N, C-alpha and C. Protein backbone atom coordinates (compact mmCIF):
# COMPACT_ATOMS: atom_id res chain seq x y z
N MET A 1 8.19 -17.07 -79.30
CA MET A 1 8.28 -16.72 -77.89
C MET A 1 6.91 -16.75 -77.24
N LEU A 2 5.92 -16.19 -77.93
CA LEU A 2 4.57 -16.14 -77.37
C LEU A 2 3.97 -17.54 -77.26
N LEU A 3 4.24 -18.39 -78.26
CA LEU A 3 3.72 -19.75 -78.24
C LEU A 3 4.30 -20.54 -77.07
N VAL A 4 5.57 -20.37 -76.80
CA VAL A 4 6.20 -21.05 -75.68
C VAL A 4 5.59 -20.59 -74.37
N LEU A 5 5.33 -19.31 -74.23
CA LEU A 5 4.72 -18.76 -73.02
C LEU A 5 3.31 -19.31 -72.83
N VAL A 6 2.54 -19.37 -73.91
CA VAL A 6 1.17 -19.89 -73.83
C VAL A 6 1.19 -21.36 -73.43
N VAL A 7 2.11 -22.12 -74.00
CA VAL A 7 2.20 -23.54 -73.66
C VAL A 7 2.58 -23.71 -72.19
N GLN A 8 3.53 -22.95 -71.71
CA GLN A 8 3.96 -23.05 -70.32
C GLN A 8 2.83 -22.67 -69.37
N VAL A 9 2.10 -21.63 -69.69
CA VAL A 9 0.96 -21.22 -68.86
C VAL A 9 -0.11 -22.29 -68.86
N THR A 10 -0.39 -22.87 -70.02
CA THR A 10 -1.39 -23.93 -70.12
C THR A 10 -0.98 -25.14 -69.30
N VAL A 11 0.27 -25.51 -69.35
CA VAL A 11 0.74 -26.66 -68.59
C VAL A 11 0.64 -26.40 -67.09
N VAL A 12 1.05 -25.23 -66.65
CA VAL A 12 0.99 -24.91 -65.22
C VAL A 12 -0.46 -24.87 -64.74
N VAL A 13 -1.33 -24.24 -65.50
CA VAL A 13 -2.74 -24.18 -65.12
C VAL A 13 -3.36 -25.57 -65.14
N GLY A 14 -3.03 -26.36 -66.14
CA GLY A 14 -3.56 -27.72 -66.22
C GLY A 14 -3.17 -28.58 -65.05
N TRP A 15 -1.89 -28.56 -64.69
CA TRP A 15 -1.44 -29.36 -63.55
C TRP A 15 -2.02 -28.84 -62.23
N THR A 16 -2.12 -27.54 -62.10
CA THR A 16 -2.69 -26.97 -60.88
C THR A 16 -4.14 -27.39 -60.71
N LEU A 17 -4.92 -27.26 -61.78
CA LEU A 17 -6.33 -27.68 -61.71
C LEU A 17 -6.45 -29.19 -61.48
N CYS A 18 -5.61 -29.95 -62.13
CA CYS A 18 -5.65 -31.40 -61.98
C CYS A 18 -5.39 -31.82 -60.53
N ILE A 19 -4.31 -31.34 -59.96
CA ILE A 19 -3.97 -31.70 -58.59
C ILE A 19 -5.00 -31.15 -57.61
N GLY A 20 -5.46 -29.93 -57.85
CA GLY A 20 -6.48 -29.35 -56.98
C GLY A 20 -7.79 -30.12 -57.01
N CYS A 21 -8.22 -30.50 -58.19
CA CYS A 21 -9.48 -31.27 -58.30
C CYS A 21 -9.35 -32.64 -57.66
N LEU A 22 -8.25 -33.33 -57.92
CA LEU A 22 -8.07 -34.66 -57.32
C LEU A 22 -8.00 -34.57 -55.79
N ALA A 23 -7.28 -33.58 -55.29
CA ALA A 23 -7.18 -33.42 -53.84
C ALA A 23 -8.53 -33.06 -53.23
N ALA A 24 -9.28 -32.19 -53.91
CA ALA A 24 -10.60 -31.81 -53.40
C ALA A 24 -11.55 -33.01 -53.40
N LEU A 25 -11.47 -33.85 -54.42
CA LEU A 25 -12.34 -35.01 -54.46
C LEU A 25 -11.99 -36.05 -53.40
N VAL A 26 -10.70 -36.20 -53.14
CA VAL A 26 -10.29 -37.20 -52.15
C VAL A 26 -10.47 -36.69 -50.73
N TYR A 27 -10.07 -35.46 -50.47
CA TYR A 27 -10.05 -34.95 -49.10
C TYR A 27 -11.13 -33.91 -48.80
N GLY A 28 -11.89 -33.48 -49.77
CA GLY A 28 -12.82 -32.38 -49.60
C GLY A 28 -13.98 -32.65 -48.67
N LEU A 29 -14.46 -33.86 -48.62
CA LEU A 29 -15.63 -34.17 -47.80
C LEU A 29 -15.29 -35.01 -46.57
N TYR A 30 -14.09 -34.87 -46.08
CA TYR A 30 -13.69 -35.63 -44.91
C TYR A 30 -14.50 -35.18 -43.70
N ASN A 31 -15.16 -36.13 -43.04
CA ASN A 31 -16.02 -35.88 -41.88
C ASN A 31 -17.11 -34.84 -42.17
N THR A 32 -17.79 -34.99 -43.28
CA THR A 32 -18.83 -34.05 -43.68
C THR A 32 -20.13 -34.79 -43.95
N GLU A 33 -21.21 -34.25 -43.46
CA GLU A 33 -22.54 -34.77 -43.75
C GLU A 33 -23.20 -33.84 -44.75
N LEU A 34 -23.62 -34.36 -45.88
CA LEU A 34 -24.27 -33.54 -46.89
C LEU A 34 -25.77 -33.78 -46.90
N ASP A 35 -26.51 -32.73 -47.22
CA ASP A 35 -27.94 -32.89 -47.45
C ASP A 35 -28.16 -33.59 -48.79
N ARG A 36 -29.40 -33.82 -49.11
CA ARG A 36 -29.72 -34.59 -50.31
C ARG A 36 -29.24 -33.93 -51.60
N LEU A 37 -29.53 -32.65 -51.78
CA LEU A 37 -29.16 -31.97 -53.03
C LEU A 37 -27.65 -31.84 -53.21
N PRO A 38 -26.90 -31.36 -52.21
CA PRO A 38 -25.44 -31.30 -52.39
C PRO A 38 -24.82 -32.68 -52.60
N ALA A 39 -25.36 -33.69 -51.94
CA ALA A 39 -24.84 -35.05 -52.13
C ALA A 39 -25.09 -35.53 -53.55
N ALA A 40 -26.25 -35.21 -54.11
CA ALA A 40 -26.56 -35.60 -55.48
C ALA A 40 -25.65 -34.87 -56.47
N ILE A 41 -25.42 -33.60 -56.23
CA ILE A 41 -24.55 -32.83 -57.11
C ILE A 41 -23.12 -33.37 -57.03
N TYR A 42 -22.64 -33.60 -55.84
CA TYR A 42 -21.29 -34.13 -55.67
C TYR A 42 -21.16 -35.50 -56.33
N SER A 43 -22.14 -36.34 -56.10
CA SER A 43 -22.09 -37.70 -56.65
C SER A 43 -22.11 -37.68 -58.17
N SER A 44 -22.88 -36.81 -58.75
CA SER A 44 -22.98 -36.79 -60.21
C SER A 44 -21.77 -36.13 -60.87
N LEU A 45 -21.20 -35.11 -60.24
CA LEU A 45 -20.09 -34.39 -60.86
C LEU A 45 -18.72 -34.96 -60.51
N SER A 46 -18.60 -35.69 -59.42
CA SER A 46 -17.29 -36.15 -58.98
C SER A 46 -16.66 -37.12 -59.98
N HIS A 47 -17.45 -37.98 -60.58
CA HIS A 47 -16.90 -38.93 -61.54
C HIS A 47 -16.39 -38.22 -62.79
N THR A 48 -17.11 -37.21 -63.23
CA THR A 48 -16.70 -36.46 -64.41
C THR A 48 -15.42 -35.68 -64.14
N VAL A 49 -15.35 -35.03 -62.98
CA VAL A 49 -14.16 -34.26 -62.63
C VAL A 49 -12.96 -35.19 -62.47
N TRP A 50 -13.16 -36.35 -61.87
CA TRP A 50 -12.08 -37.32 -61.71
C TRP A 50 -11.56 -37.76 -63.09
N ALA A 51 -12.48 -38.06 -64.00
CA ALA A 51 -12.09 -38.49 -65.35
C ALA A 51 -11.35 -37.38 -66.09
N LEU A 52 -11.80 -36.14 -65.96
CA LEU A 52 -11.12 -35.03 -66.61
C LEU A 52 -9.71 -34.83 -66.06
N ALA A 53 -9.55 -34.97 -64.75
CA ALA A 53 -8.23 -34.81 -64.14
C ALA A 53 -7.29 -35.92 -64.61
N LEU A 54 -7.78 -37.14 -64.66
CA LEU A 54 -6.94 -38.24 -65.15
C LEU A 54 -6.65 -38.08 -66.64
N SER A 55 -7.58 -37.52 -67.37
CA SER A 55 -7.35 -37.26 -68.80
C SER A 55 -6.22 -36.25 -68.98
N TRP A 56 -6.18 -35.25 -68.12
CA TRP A 56 -5.08 -34.28 -68.21
C TRP A 56 -3.75 -34.97 -67.97
N ILE A 57 -3.69 -35.89 -67.01
CA ILE A 57 -2.44 -36.60 -66.74
C ILE A 57 -2.02 -37.40 -67.97
N VAL A 58 -2.94 -38.09 -68.60
CA VAL A 58 -2.62 -38.87 -69.79
C VAL A 58 -2.16 -37.97 -70.93
N ILE A 59 -2.87 -36.87 -71.15
CA ILE A 59 -2.50 -35.95 -72.23
C ILE A 59 -1.15 -35.31 -71.95
N ALA A 60 -0.92 -34.87 -70.73
CA ALA A 60 0.36 -34.24 -70.39
C ALA A 60 1.51 -35.23 -70.54
N CYS A 61 1.31 -36.46 -70.12
CA CYS A 61 2.38 -37.45 -70.23
C CYS A 61 2.64 -37.83 -71.69
N SER A 62 1.60 -37.94 -72.48
CA SER A 62 1.79 -38.36 -73.86
C SER A 62 2.39 -37.26 -74.73
N THR A 63 2.25 -36.01 -74.33
CA THR A 63 2.83 -34.91 -75.09
C THR A 63 4.15 -34.40 -74.52
N GLY A 64 4.63 -35.04 -73.47
CA GLY A 64 5.93 -34.68 -72.93
C GLY A 64 5.92 -33.61 -71.86
N TYR A 65 4.75 -33.26 -71.33
CA TYR A 65 4.65 -32.23 -70.29
C TYR A 65 4.36 -32.83 -68.92
N GLY A 66 4.63 -34.09 -68.74
CA GLY A 66 4.35 -34.75 -67.48
C GLY A 66 5.45 -34.62 -66.46
N GLY A 67 6.65 -34.37 -66.93
CA GLY A 67 7.78 -34.25 -66.02
C GLY A 67 8.09 -35.55 -65.31
N GLN A 68 8.43 -35.46 -64.05
CA GLN A 68 8.79 -36.64 -63.27
C GLN A 68 7.61 -37.55 -62.98
N SER A 69 6.39 -37.00 -63.03
CA SER A 69 5.22 -37.82 -62.68
C SER A 69 5.00 -38.94 -63.68
N CYS A 70 5.41 -38.76 -64.92
CA CYS A 70 5.22 -39.82 -65.92
C CYS A 70 6.28 -40.90 -65.84
N ARG A 71 7.39 -40.57 -65.29
CA ARG A 71 8.47 -41.55 -65.22
C ARG A 71 8.24 -42.59 -64.13
N CYS A 72 7.44 -42.25 -63.15
CA CYS A 72 7.30 -43.17 -62.02
C CYS A 72 5.86 -43.65 -61.82
N THR A 73 5.04 -43.54 -62.86
CA THR A 73 3.66 -44.02 -62.74
C THR A 73 3.34 -44.99 -63.84
N VAL A 74 2.26 -45.69 -63.67
CA VAL A 74 1.79 -46.64 -64.67
C VAL A 74 1.10 -45.90 -65.81
N VAL A 75 0.77 -44.64 -65.60
CA VAL A 75 0.07 -43.85 -66.61
C VAL A 75 0.88 -43.81 -67.90
N HIS A 76 2.19 -43.75 -67.79
CA HIS A 76 3.03 -43.69 -68.97
C HIS A 76 2.86 -44.96 -69.81
N SER A 77 2.84 -46.11 -69.17
CA SER A 77 2.65 -47.35 -69.89
C SER A 77 1.27 -47.44 -70.51
N ALA A 78 0.26 -47.01 -69.78
CA ALA A 78 -1.09 -47.04 -70.32
C ALA A 78 -1.22 -46.09 -71.50
N THR A 79 -0.59 -44.93 -71.42
CA THR A 79 -0.61 -43.98 -72.52
C THR A 79 0.09 -44.56 -73.74
N TYR A 80 1.22 -45.16 -73.53
CA TYR A 80 1.96 -45.75 -74.64
C TYR A 80 1.12 -46.84 -75.30
N THR A 81 0.46 -47.67 -74.51
CA THR A 81 -0.38 -48.74 -75.06
C THR A 81 -1.54 -48.15 -75.84
N ALA A 82 -2.17 -47.11 -75.33
CA ALA A 82 -3.29 -46.49 -76.03
C ALA A 82 -2.84 -45.88 -77.35
N VAL A 83 -1.65 -45.29 -77.38
CA VAL A 83 -1.15 -44.69 -78.62
C VAL A 83 -0.82 -45.79 -79.63
N ARG A 84 -0.24 -46.87 -79.17
CA ARG A 84 0.11 -47.97 -80.08
C ARG A 84 -1.13 -48.64 -80.66
N ILE A 85 -2.19 -48.74 -79.90
CA ILE A 85 -3.42 -49.36 -80.38
C ILE A 85 -4.07 -48.50 -81.45
N ARG A 86 -3.99 -47.22 -81.26
CA ARG A 86 -4.61 -46.29 -82.20
C ARG A 86 -3.95 -46.41 -83.53
C-alpha cells in the first residue's frame, strides 16, 4: 500500500514539475528584457531544464505512467526505439 502511494505521489509530482518547467521555459519570458546576468543564467539553465523535463516524459512513458500523453505523441515511438537498441 505504501509503495503504491509513493509511486502515485512521484508520478504526480513528476508530471507537475515537467509541465510547469516546460510552460515556464516557453511562456515565462514573453515580452521581457533581461539584464546580462539573468540572461546568462536563463540561457545556461534553460537547456538543462528542458532536457530534464523531456527525460521525465520518456521515463514516464517507458514505465507505463504516461497515460494518454504517450498514446498520441511521437515520444512513445522514440522510447520504444531506444529500448530496442539497448
